[in-house]
Amino acid sequence: AGKDAALIQEATKFDFKKHISRGCLVDLKDESGNWCLGIVEDLMEKDKKILVRYDGWIPKYQEWVDISSDKLAPLRSKTRGFTGSRANDQRFFEFKEKEVEQTLAEAKKLFETPISAYEFTQILRGKLFVLMDSILCSFCTRQRVVPATQLESIMTLIDEYLSLYGKWLEKL
């Protein structure tokens, strides 16, 4: 019990805003008060602002947010699953073999070297989730034909994804 209490105390001291960088994922409250998944597109360090694009929404919905704003929260602390437009998904996914390989390599390292919970969440519940969800939405829900050249890569990714989530669940 003492070890768990110490871990909880340490986690509550963590300031995720000090670790925000271009490409990281955050939870962001929109103007309607809904929490959405956001992707940091740019930073203005001088003004302490970040440009966040709402995942699954058209680019006009991106906004500059003050880094100290209570509209920002750590990734997946306020959101679950896809938070974009249900009627008209605007994720703009393009399958890139190199991106798939890079994301899988990052995810595999999660189990090889000690990293922070923040980094773990960014990769496994952030980048890898968005990549998988994008592939499934792009090729399944839109009934697109998967090119034969990409099918093997997609199947490998799905297999690796399930394997990594299995390892993660075993650690819980």
N, C-alpha and C. Protein backbone atom coordinates (compact mmCIF):
# COMPACT_ATOMS: atom_id res chain seq x y z
N ALA A 1 0.82 -1.20 0.00
CA ALA A 1 0.00 0.00 0.00
C ALA A 1 0.86 1.25 0.00
N GLY A 2 1.99 1.22 0.74
CA GLY A 2 2.88 2.37 0.81
C GLY A 2 3.49 2.71 -0.53
N LYS A 3 3.86 1.67 -1.31
CA LYS A 3 4.44 1.89 -2.63
C LYS A 3 3.42 2.51 -3.58
N ASP A 4 2.17 2.01 -3.53
CA ASP A 4 1.11 2.57 -4.37
C ASP A 4 0.83 4.02 -4.02
N ALA A 5 0.81 4.33 -2.74
CA ALA A 5 0.56 5.71 -2.31
C ALA A 5 1.68 6.63 -2.81
N ALA A 6 2.92 6.15 -2.76
CA ALA A 6 4.05 6.94 -3.23
C ALA A 6 3.95 7.19 -4.73
N LEU A 7 3.55 6.17 -5.50
CA LEU A 7 3.39 6.32 -6.95
C LEU A 7 2.28 7.32 -7.28
N ILE A 8 1.17 7.23 -6.56
CA ILE A 8 0.06 8.16 -6.77
C ILE A 8 0.49 9.59 -6.46
N GLN A 9 1.21 9.76 -5.36
CA GLN A 9 1.68 11.09 -4.98
C GLN A 9 2.62 11.65 -6.05
N GLU A 10 3.52 10.82 -6.56
CA GLU A 10 4.45 11.24 -7.61
C GLU A 10 3.70 11.63 -8.88
N ALA A 11 2.70 10.84 -9.26
CA ALA A 11 1.92 11.12 -10.46
C ALA A 11 1.17 12.44 -10.37
N THR A 12 0.67 12.78 -9.19
CA THR A 12 -0.08 14.02 -9.05
C THR A 12 0.83 15.25 -9.12
N LYS A 13 2.11 15.07 -8.89
CA LYS A 13 3.07 16.18 -8.98
C LYS A 13 3.51 16.44 -10.42
N PHE A 14 3.31 15.46 -11.32
CA PHE A 14 3.79 15.56 -12.69
C PHE A 14 3.07 16.67 -13.44
N ASP A 15 3.83 17.57 -14.03
CA ASP A 15 3.26 18.65 -14.82
C ASP A 15 3.46 18.35 -16.30
N PHE A 16 2.44 17.76 -16.92
CA PHE A 16 2.55 17.34 -18.32
C PHE A 16 2.82 18.52 -19.25
N LYS A 17 2.40 19.72 -18.85
CA LYS A 17 2.54 20.89 -19.72
C LYS A 17 4.00 21.24 -19.98
N LYS A 18 4.90 20.82 -19.10
CA LYS A 18 6.33 21.05 -19.30
C LYS A 18 6.89 20.13 -20.38
N HIS A 19 6.14 19.11 -20.76
CA HIS A 19 6.61 18.12 -21.72
C HIS A 19 5.91 18.23 -23.07
N ILE A 20 5.06 19.22 -23.23
CA ILE A 20 4.34 19.39 -24.50
C ILE A 20 5.32 19.80 -25.59
N SER A 21 5.21 19.11 -26.72
CA SER A 21 6.05 19.41 -27.87
C SER A 21 5.24 19.19 -29.14
N ARG A 22 5.78 19.63 -30.25
CA ARG A 22 5.11 19.48 -31.54
C ARG A 22 4.86 17.99 -31.80
N GLY A 23 3.63 17.64 -32.15
CA GLY A 23 3.28 16.26 -32.46
C GLY A 23 2.72 15.47 -31.28
N CYS A 24 2.84 16.00 -30.06
CA CYS A 24 2.29 15.25 -28.93
C CYS A 24 0.77 15.41 -28.89
N LEU A 25 0.14 14.52 -28.15
CA LEU A 25 -1.31 14.50 -28.07
C LEU A 25 -1.75 14.99 -26.69
N VAL A 26 -2.85 15.70 -26.66
CA VAL A 26 -3.41 16.23 -25.41
C VAL A 26 -4.93 16.09 -25.46
N ASP A 27 -5.55 16.19 -24.31
CA ASP A 27 -7.00 16.35 -24.26
C ASP A 27 -7.26 17.85 -24.22
N LEU A 28 -8.26 18.29 -25.00
CA LEU A 28 -8.55 19.71 -25.13
C LEU A 28 -10.06 19.93 -25.09
N LYS A 29 -10.49 20.87 -24.27
CA LYS A 29 -11.92 21.18 -24.18
C LYS A 29 -12.29 22.17 -25.27
N ASP A 30 -13.31 21.80 -26.07
CA ASP A 30 -13.73 22.68 -27.16
C ASP A 30 -14.68 23.76 -26.65
N GLU A 31 -15.12 24.64 -27.55
CA GLU A 31 -15.97 25.76 -27.14
C GLU A 31 -17.35 25.34 -26.64
N SER A 32 -17.74 24.09 -26.91
CA SER A 32 -19.02 23.57 -26.41
C SER A 32 -18.87 22.88 -25.06
N GLY A 33 -17.62 22.80 -24.56
CA GLY A 33 -17.38 22.16 -23.28
C GLY A 33 -17.11 20.67 -23.38
N ASN A 34 -16.94 20.15 -24.61
CA ASN A 34 -16.65 18.73 -24.80
C ASN A 34 -15.15 18.51 -24.83
N TRP A 35 -14.70 17.42 -24.21
CA TRP A 35 -13.28 17.08 -24.25
C TRP A 35 -13.00 16.29 -25.52
N CYS A 36 -11.95 16.70 -26.23
CA CYS A 36 -11.56 16.08 -27.50
C CYS A 36 -10.07 15.78 -27.49
N LEU A 37 -9.69 14.86 -28.36
CA LEU A 37 -8.28 14.57 -28.57
C LEU A 37 -7.70 15.67 -29.45
N GLY A 38 -6.56 16.22 -29.05
CA GLY A 38 -5.92 17.26 -29.83
C GLY A 38 -4.48 16.91 -30.14
N ILE A 39 -3.99 17.39 -31.25
CA ILE A 39 -2.61 17.16 -31.67
C ILE A 39 -1.91 18.51 -31.73
N VAL A 40 -0.79 18.63 -31.03
CA VAL A 40 -0.05 19.88 -31.00
C VAL A 40 0.66 20.06 -32.34
N GLU A 41 0.29 21.11 -33.06
CA GLU A 41 0.83 21.39 -34.38
C GLU A 41 1.99 22.38 -34.34
N ASP A 42 1.96 23.31 -33.39
CA ASP A 42 3.00 24.35 -33.34
C ASP A 42 3.08 24.91 -31.93
N LEU A 43 4.20 25.55 -31.62
CA LEU A 43 4.40 26.17 -30.32
C LEU A 43 4.90 27.60 -30.50
N MET A 44 4.43 28.50 -29.68
CA MET A 44 4.98 29.86 -29.59
C MET A 44 5.53 29.97 -28.17
N GLU A 45 6.79 29.58 -28.01
CA GLU A 45 7.37 29.52 -26.68
C GLU A 45 7.38 30.89 -26.01
N LYS A 46 7.64 31.94 -26.77
CA LYS A 46 7.69 33.29 -26.22
C LYS A 46 6.35 33.67 -25.58
N ASP A 47 5.26 33.35 -26.27
CA ASP A 47 3.92 33.70 -25.78
C ASP A 47 3.29 32.59 -24.94
N LYS A 48 4.01 31.46 -24.82
CA LYS A 48 3.53 30.30 -24.07
C LYS A 48 2.16 29.83 -24.58
N LYS A 49 2.09 29.67 -25.91
CA LYS A 49 0.87 29.19 -26.54
C LYS A 49 1.21 28.02 -27.45
N ILE A 50 0.20 27.16 -27.64
CA ILE A 50 0.36 26.04 -28.57
C ILE A 50 -0.82 26.04 -29.54
N LEU A 51 -0.52 25.63 -30.77
CA LEU A 51 -1.57 25.48 -31.77
C LEU A 51 -2.00 24.03 -31.74
N VAL A 52 -3.27 23.79 -31.43
CA VAL A 52 -3.79 22.43 -31.31
C VAL A 52 -4.84 22.19 -32.37
N ARG A 53 -4.69 21.06 -33.08
CA ARG A 53 -5.67 20.63 -34.08
C ARG A 53 -6.54 19.56 -33.44
N TYR A 54 -7.83 19.73 -33.51
CA TYR A 54 -8.75 18.73 -32.99
C TYR A 54 -8.73 17.52 -33.93
N ASP A 55 -8.40 16.35 -33.40
CA ASP A 55 -8.34 15.14 -34.20
C ASP A 55 -9.72 14.79 -34.75
N GLY A 56 -9.79 14.56 -36.07
CA GLY A 56 -11.05 14.18 -36.68
C GLY A 56 -11.94 15.34 -37.08
N TRP A 57 -11.43 16.56 -36.98
CA TRP A 57 -12.19 17.74 -37.36
C TRP A 57 -11.44 18.49 -38.44
N ILE A 58 -12.14 19.26 -39.24
CA ILE A 58 -11.49 20.02 -40.31
C ILE A 58 -10.55 21.07 -39.70
N PRO A 59 -9.54 21.49 -40.47
CA PRO A 59 -8.51 22.40 -39.96
C PRO A 59 -9.03 23.72 -39.38
N LYS A 60 -10.19 24.18 -39.79
CA LYS A 60 -10.67 25.47 -39.26
C LYS A 60 -10.94 25.38 -37.75
N TYR A 61 -11.00 24.18 -37.21
CA TYR A 61 -11.25 24.04 -35.78
C TYR A 61 -9.99 23.99 -34.94
N GLN A 62 -8.83 24.19 -35.56
CA GLN A 62 -7.62 24.26 -34.74
C GLN A 62 -7.59 25.61 -34.04
N GLU A 63 -6.90 25.67 -32.91
CA GLU A 63 -6.86 26.93 -32.18
C GLU A 63 -5.58 27.07 -31.38
N TRP A 64 -5.23 28.34 -31.14
CA TRP A 64 -4.10 28.65 -30.26
C TRP A 64 -4.62 28.64 -28.83
N VAL A 65 -3.91 27.94 -27.96
CA VAL A 65 -4.33 27.79 -26.57
C VAL A 65 -3.16 28.18 -25.67
N ASP A 66 -3.45 28.99 -24.66
CA ASP A 66 -2.44 29.33 -23.67
C ASP A 66 -2.05 28.07 -22.92
N ILE A 67 -0.75 27.85 -22.75
CA ILE A 67 -0.25 26.63 -22.13
C ILE A 67 -0.76 26.47 -20.69
N SER A 68 -1.13 27.56 -20.04
CA SER A 68 -1.61 27.47 -18.66
C SER A 68 -3.13 27.27 -18.58
N SER A 69 -3.80 27.19 -19.73
CA SER A 69 -5.25 27.07 -19.77
C SER A 69 -5.75 25.78 -19.13
N ASP A 70 -6.89 25.88 -18.46
CA ASP A 70 -7.52 24.67 -17.90
C ASP A 70 -8.29 23.90 -18.98
N LYS A 71 -8.22 24.39 -20.23
CA LYS A 71 -8.80 23.65 -21.37
C LYS A 71 -7.90 22.48 -21.77
N LEU A 72 -6.67 22.45 -21.27
CA LEU A 72 -5.72 21.38 -21.58
C LEU A 72 -5.67 20.37 -20.45
N ALA A 73 -5.58 19.10 -20.81
CA ALA A 73 -5.44 18.03 -19.83
C ALA A 73 -4.54 16.95 -20.43
N PRO A 74 -3.92 16.13 -19.57
CA PRO A 74 -3.07 15.06 -20.10
C PRO A 74 -3.87 14.12 -21.00
N LEU A 75 -3.20 13.60 -22.01
CA LEU A 75 -3.81 12.67 -22.95
C LEU A 75 -4.56 11.56 -22.25
N ARG A 76 -5.80 11.37 -22.66
CA ARG A 76 -6.70 10.30 -22.20
C ARG A 76 -7.10 10.42 -20.73
N SER A 77 -6.87 11.59 -20.15
CA SER A 77 -7.39 11.79 -18.79
C SER A 77 -8.85 12.23 -18.83
N LYS A 78 -9.30 12.76 -19.97
CA LYS A 78 -10.68 13.22 -20.12
C LYS A 78 -11.39 12.60 -21.32
N THR A 79 -10.66 11.94 -22.21
CA THR A 79 -11.24 11.39 -23.42
C THR A 79 -11.09 9.88 -23.49
N ARG A 80 -11.94 9.28 -24.30
CA ARG A 80 -11.86 7.85 -24.60
C ARG A 80 -12.19 7.68 -26.09
N GLY A 81 -11.41 6.87 -26.78
CA GLY A 81 -11.71 6.56 -28.17
C GLY A 81 -11.66 7.77 -29.09
N PHE A 82 -12.39 7.69 -30.18
CA PHE A 82 -12.42 8.73 -31.20
C PHE A 82 -13.32 9.87 -30.74
N THR A 83 -12.81 11.10 -30.85
CA THR A 83 -13.59 12.26 -30.40
C THR A 83 -13.90 13.24 -31.54
N GLY A 84 -13.62 12.82 -32.76
CA GLY A 84 -13.88 13.69 -33.92
C GLY A 84 -15.34 13.68 -34.32
N SER A 85 -15.60 14.31 -35.44
CA SER A 85 -16.96 14.40 -35.97
C SER A 85 -17.49 13.01 -36.29
N ARG A 86 -18.63 12.67 -35.73
CA ARG A 86 -19.25 11.37 -36.00
C ARG A 86 -19.89 11.34 -37.38
N ALA A 87 -20.40 12.45 -37.82
CA ALA A 87 -21.11 12.50 -39.09
C ALA A 87 -20.15 12.58 -40.28
N ASN A 88 -19.03 13.25 -40.09
CA ASN A 88 -18.13 13.49 -41.22
C ASN A 88 -16.68 13.50 -40.74
N ASP A 89 -16.13 12.33 -40.49
CA ASP A 89 -14.76 12.20 -40.01
C ASP A 89 -13.79 12.91 -40.95
N GLN A 90 -12.95 13.74 -40.39
CA GLN A 90 -12.00 14.53 -41.18
C GLN A 90 -10.56 14.23 -40.76
N ARG A 91 -10.24 12.96 -40.58
CA ARG A 91 -8.90 12.61 -40.07
C ARG A 91 -7.81 12.72 -41.14
N PHE A 92 -8.13 12.72 -42.39
CA PHE A 92 -7.15 12.87 -43.48
C PHE A 92 -5.99 11.89 -43.36
N PHE A 93 -6.29 10.61 -43.30
CA PHE A 93 -5.26 9.61 -43.13
C PHE A 93 -4.67 9.18 -44.46
N GLU A 94 -3.36 9.12 -44.51
CA GLU A 94 -2.66 8.59 -45.67
C GLU A 94 -1.69 7.54 -45.16
N PHE A 95 -1.81 6.32 -45.66
CA PHE A 95 -0.96 5.22 -45.20
C PHE A 95 0.48 5.48 -45.62
N LYS A 96 1.38 5.50 -44.62
CA LYS A 96 2.80 5.70 -44.88
C LYS A 96 3.57 4.59 -44.17
N GLU A 97 4.18 3.73 -44.95
CA GLU A 97 4.92 2.58 -44.42
C GLU A 97 5.94 3.00 -43.36
N LYS A 98 6.67 4.08 -43.64
CA LYS A 98 7.71 4.54 -42.71
C LYS A 98 7.10 4.97 -41.37
N GLU A 99 5.96 5.65 -41.41
CA GLU A 99 5.29 6.08 -40.18
C GLU A 99 4.84 4.87 -39.37
N VAL A 100 4.32 3.85 -40.05
CA VAL A 100 3.90 2.63 -39.37
C VAL A 100 5.09 1.97 -38.68
N GLU A 101 6.19 1.83 -39.41
CA GLU A 101 7.40 1.21 -38.85
C GLU A 101 7.93 2.00 -37.67
N GLN A 102 7.96 3.33 -37.78
CA GLN A 102 8.47 4.18 -36.71
C GLN A 102 7.59 4.08 -35.46
N THR A 103 6.28 4.10 -35.64
CA THR A 103 5.37 4.01 -34.50
C THR A 103 5.49 2.65 -33.82
N LEU A 104 5.59 1.59 -34.60
CA LEU A 104 5.77 0.25 -34.01
C LEU A 104 7.08 0.15 -33.25
N ALA A 105 8.14 0.72 -33.80
CA ALA A 105 9.45 0.69 -33.12
C ALA A 105 9.37 1.42 -31.79
N GLU A 106 8.70 2.58 -31.76
CA GLU A 106 8.52 3.32 -30.51
C GLU A 106 7.72 2.49 -29.50
N ALA A 107 6.67 1.85 -29.99
CA ALA A 107 5.80 1.06 -29.11
C ALA A 107 6.55 -0.14 -28.53
N LYS A 108 7.37 -0.80 -29.33
CA LYS A 108 8.13 -1.96 -28.84
C LYS A 108 9.12 -1.57 -27.76
N LYS A 109 9.69 -0.36 -27.86
CA LYS A 109 10.65 0.12 -26.85
C LYS A 109 10.01 0.32 -25.49
N LEU A 110 8.68 0.46 -25.48
CA LEU A 110 7.98 0.65 -24.21
C LEU A 110 8.27 -0.47 -23.22
N PHE A 111 8.51 -1.64 -23.74
CA PHE A 111 8.68 -2.81 -22.89
C PHE A 111 10.15 -3.18 -22.70
N GLU A 112 11.05 -2.39 -23.29
CA GLU A 112 12.47 -2.68 -23.21
C GLU A 112 13.23 -1.74 -22.29
N THR A 113 12.79 -0.50 -22.21
CA THR A 113 13.48 0.48 -21.38
C THR A 113 12.48 1.20 -20.48
N PRO A 114 12.91 1.57 -19.28
CA PRO A 114 11.99 2.29 -18.40
C PRO A 114 11.69 3.70 -18.93
N ILE A 115 10.42 4.03 -18.99
CA ILE A 115 10.00 5.36 -19.42
C ILE A 115 8.90 5.84 -18.48
N SER A 116 8.59 7.11 -18.59
CA SER A 116 7.55 7.68 -17.73
C SER A 116 6.16 7.26 -18.19
N ALA A 117 5.20 7.37 -17.30
CA ALA A 117 3.81 7.07 -17.65
C ALA A 117 3.33 8.00 -18.76
N TYR A 118 3.81 9.24 -18.74
CA TYR A 118 3.45 10.21 -19.77
C TYR A 118 3.89 9.72 -21.15
N GLU A 119 5.16 9.32 -21.27
CA GLU A 119 5.67 8.82 -22.55
C GLU A 119 4.93 7.56 -22.99
N PHE A 120 4.66 6.68 -22.03
CA PHE A 120 3.95 5.44 -22.32
C PHE A 120 2.58 5.75 -22.92
N THR A 121 1.86 6.66 -22.29
CA THR A 121 0.52 7.02 -22.75
C THR A 121 0.57 7.69 -24.12
N GLN A 122 1.55 8.58 -24.34
CA GLN A 122 1.69 9.25 -25.63
C GLN A 122 1.83 8.24 -26.76
N ILE A 123 2.58 7.17 -26.52
CA ILE A 123 2.83 6.20 -27.58
C ILE A 123 1.71 5.16 -27.69
N LEU A 124 1.44 4.44 -26.61
CA LEU A 124 0.51 3.31 -26.70
C LEU A 124 -0.94 3.77 -26.83
N ARG A 125 -1.36 4.71 -26.00
CA ARG A 125 -2.76 5.15 -26.04
C ARG A 125 -2.95 6.38 -26.91
N GLY A 126 -1.84 6.91 -27.44
CA GLY A 126 -1.89 8.07 -28.31
C GLY A 126 -1.57 7.71 -29.74
N LYS A 127 -0.29 7.76 -30.09
CA LYS A 127 0.13 7.57 -31.48
C LYS A 127 -0.33 6.22 -32.06
N LEU A 128 -0.12 5.14 -31.31
CA LEU A 128 -0.47 3.83 -31.84
C LEU A 128 -1.99 3.68 -31.99
N PHE A 129 -2.74 4.19 -31.01
CA PHE A 129 -4.20 4.14 -31.10
C PHE A 129 -4.71 4.93 -32.31
N VAL A 130 -4.21 6.15 -32.48
CA VAL A 130 -4.67 6.99 -33.60
C VAL A 130 -4.31 6.35 -34.93
N LEU A 131 -3.10 5.78 -35.01
CA LEU A 131 -2.70 5.10 -36.25
C LEU A 131 -3.64 3.94 -36.57
N MET A 132 -3.89 3.08 -35.58
CA MET A 132 -4.78 1.94 -35.80
C MET A 132 -6.20 2.39 -36.14
N ASP A 133 -6.71 3.35 -35.40
CA ASP A 133 -8.05 3.84 -35.64
C ASP A 133 -8.17 4.46 -37.03
N SER A 134 -7.14 5.17 -37.45
CA SER A 134 -7.13 5.78 -38.78
C SER A 134 -7.17 4.73 -39.87
N ILE A 135 -6.38 3.69 -39.69
CA ILE A 135 -6.36 2.61 -40.69
C ILE A 135 -7.73 1.94 -40.75
N LEU A 136 -8.28 1.60 -39.60
CA LEU A 136 -9.57 0.93 -39.58
C LEU A 136 -10.66 1.79 -40.18
N CYS A 137 -10.67 3.08 -39.82
CA CYS A 137 -11.69 3.99 -40.37
C CYS A 137 -11.50 4.18 -41.87
N SER A 138 -10.28 4.34 -42.28
CA SER A 138 -9.99 4.62 -43.68
C SER A 138 -10.34 3.44 -44.58
N PHE A 139 -9.96 2.24 -44.17
CA PHE A 139 -10.13 1.10 -45.05
C PHE A 139 -11.41 0.30 -44.79
N CYS A 140 -11.93 0.37 -43.60
CA CYS A 140 -13.11 -0.45 -43.29
C CYS A 140 -14.41 0.32 -43.42
N THR A 141 -14.52 1.43 -42.72
CA THR A 141 -15.79 2.14 -42.70
C THR A 141 -16.08 2.87 -44.01
N ARG A 142 -15.05 3.16 -44.76
CA ARG A 142 -15.27 3.85 -46.03
C ARG A 142 -15.27 2.87 -47.20
N GLN A 143 -15.16 1.61 -46.89
CA GLN A 143 -15.20 0.53 -47.87
C GLN A 143 -14.21 0.76 -49.02
N ARG A 144 -13.02 1.20 -48.66
CA ARG A 144 -11.98 1.36 -49.66
C ARG A 144 -11.30 0.02 -49.89
N VAL A 145 -10.81 -0.17 -51.08
CA VAL A 145 -10.05 -1.37 -51.40
C VAL A 145 -8.62 -1.15 -50.92
N VAL A 146 -8.11 -2.10 -50.14
CA VAL A 146 -6.75 -1.99 -49.64
C VAL A 146 -5.80 -2.48 -50.72
N PRO A 147 -4.85 -1.63 -51.13
CA PRO A 147 -3.89 -2.08 -52.14
C PRO A 147 -3.10 -3.28 -51.60
N ALA A 148 -2.86 -4.25 -52.48
CA ALA A 148 -2.14 -5.47 -52.08
C ALA A 148 -0.78 -5.15 -51.47
N THR A 149 -0.15 -4.08 -51.93
CA THR A 149 1.17 -3.72 -51.41
C THR A 149 1.11 -3.27 -49.95
N GLN A 150 -0.06 -2.80 -49.49
CA GLN A 150 -0.20 -2.33 -48.11
C GLN A 150 -0.84 -3.37 -47.20
N LEU A 151 -1.50 -4.34 -47.77
CA LEU A 151 -2.24 -5.31 -46.97
C LEU A 151 -1.35 -6.05 -45.98
N GLU A 152 -0.20 -6.52 -46.43
CA GLU A 152 0.71 -7.25 -45.53
C GLU A 152 1.18 -6.36 -44.39
N SER A 153 1.52 -5.10 -44.68
CA SER A 153 1.95 -4.17 -43.64
C SER A 153 0.84 -3.90 -42.63
N ILE A 154 -0.37 -3.76 -43.13
CA ILE A 154 -1.51 -3.51 -42.23
C ILE A 154 -1.76 -4.72 -41.34
N MET A 155 -1.70 -5.91 -41.91
CA MET A 155 -1.90 -7.12 -41.11
C MET A 155 -0.81 -7.28 -40.05
N THR A 156 0.43 -6.97 -40.41
CA THR A 156 1.53 -7.02 -39.45
C THR A 156 1.29 -6.01 -38.33
N LEU A 157 0.87 -4.81 -38.71
CA LEU A 157 0.60 -3.78 -37.71
C LEU A 157 -0.50 -4.23 -36.75
N ILE A 158 -1.57 -4.77 -37.27
CA ILE A 158 -2.67 -5.23 -36.41
C ILE A 158 -2.19 -6.32 -35.46
N ASP A 159 -1.41 -7.25 -35.97
CA ASP A 159 -0.85 -8.33 -35.13
C ASP A 159 0.04 -7.76 -34.03
N GLU A 160 0.93 -6.84 -34.39
CA GLU A 160 1.83 -6.21 -33.41
C GLU A 160 1.04 -5.40 -32.39
N TYR A 161 0.04 -4.69 -32.88
CA TYR A 161 -0.81 -3.86 -32.01
C TYR A 161 -1.48 -4.72 -30.94
N LEU A 162 -2.07 -5.82 -31.36
CA LEU A 162 -2.74 -6.71 -30.40
C LEU A 162 -1.73 -7.33 -29.43
N SER A 163 -0.56 -7.67 -29.92
CA SER A 163 0.49 -8.23 -29.07
C SER A 163 0.94 -7.22 -28.01
N LEU A 164 1.15 -5.97 -28.44
CA LEU A 164 1.60 -4.93 -27.50
C LEU A 164 0.53 -4.64 -26.45
N TYR A 165 -0.72 -4.58 -26.87
CA TYR A 165 -1.78 -4.35 -25.89
C TYR A 165 -1.90 -5.52 -24.93
N GLY A 166 -1.67 -6.72 -25.41
CA GLY A 166 -1.66 -7.89 -24.52
C GLY A 166 -0.56 -7.77 -23.48
N LYS A 167 0.64 -7.35 -23.89
CA LYS A 167 1.74 -7.15 -22.94
C LYS A 167 1.39 -6.07 -21.92
N TRP A 168 0.75 -5.02 -22.40
CA TRP A 168 0.37 -3.93 -21.51
C TRP A 168 -0.64 -4.42 -20.46
N LEU A 169 -1.63 -5.18 -20.90
CA LEU A 169 -2.65 -5.71 -19.99
C LEU A 169 -2.02 -6.67 -18.96
N GLU A 170 -1.02 -7.44 -19.37
CA GLU A 170 -0.35 -8.35 -18.44
C GLU A 170 0.37 -7.58 -17.33
N LYS A 171 0.83 -6.37 -17.64
CA LYS A 171 1.56 -5.56 -16.64
C LYS A 171 0.63 -4.87 -15.65
N LEU A 172 -0.65 -4.78 -15.97
CA LEU A 172 -1.60 -4.09 -15.08
C LEU A 172 -1.83 -4.87 -13.82
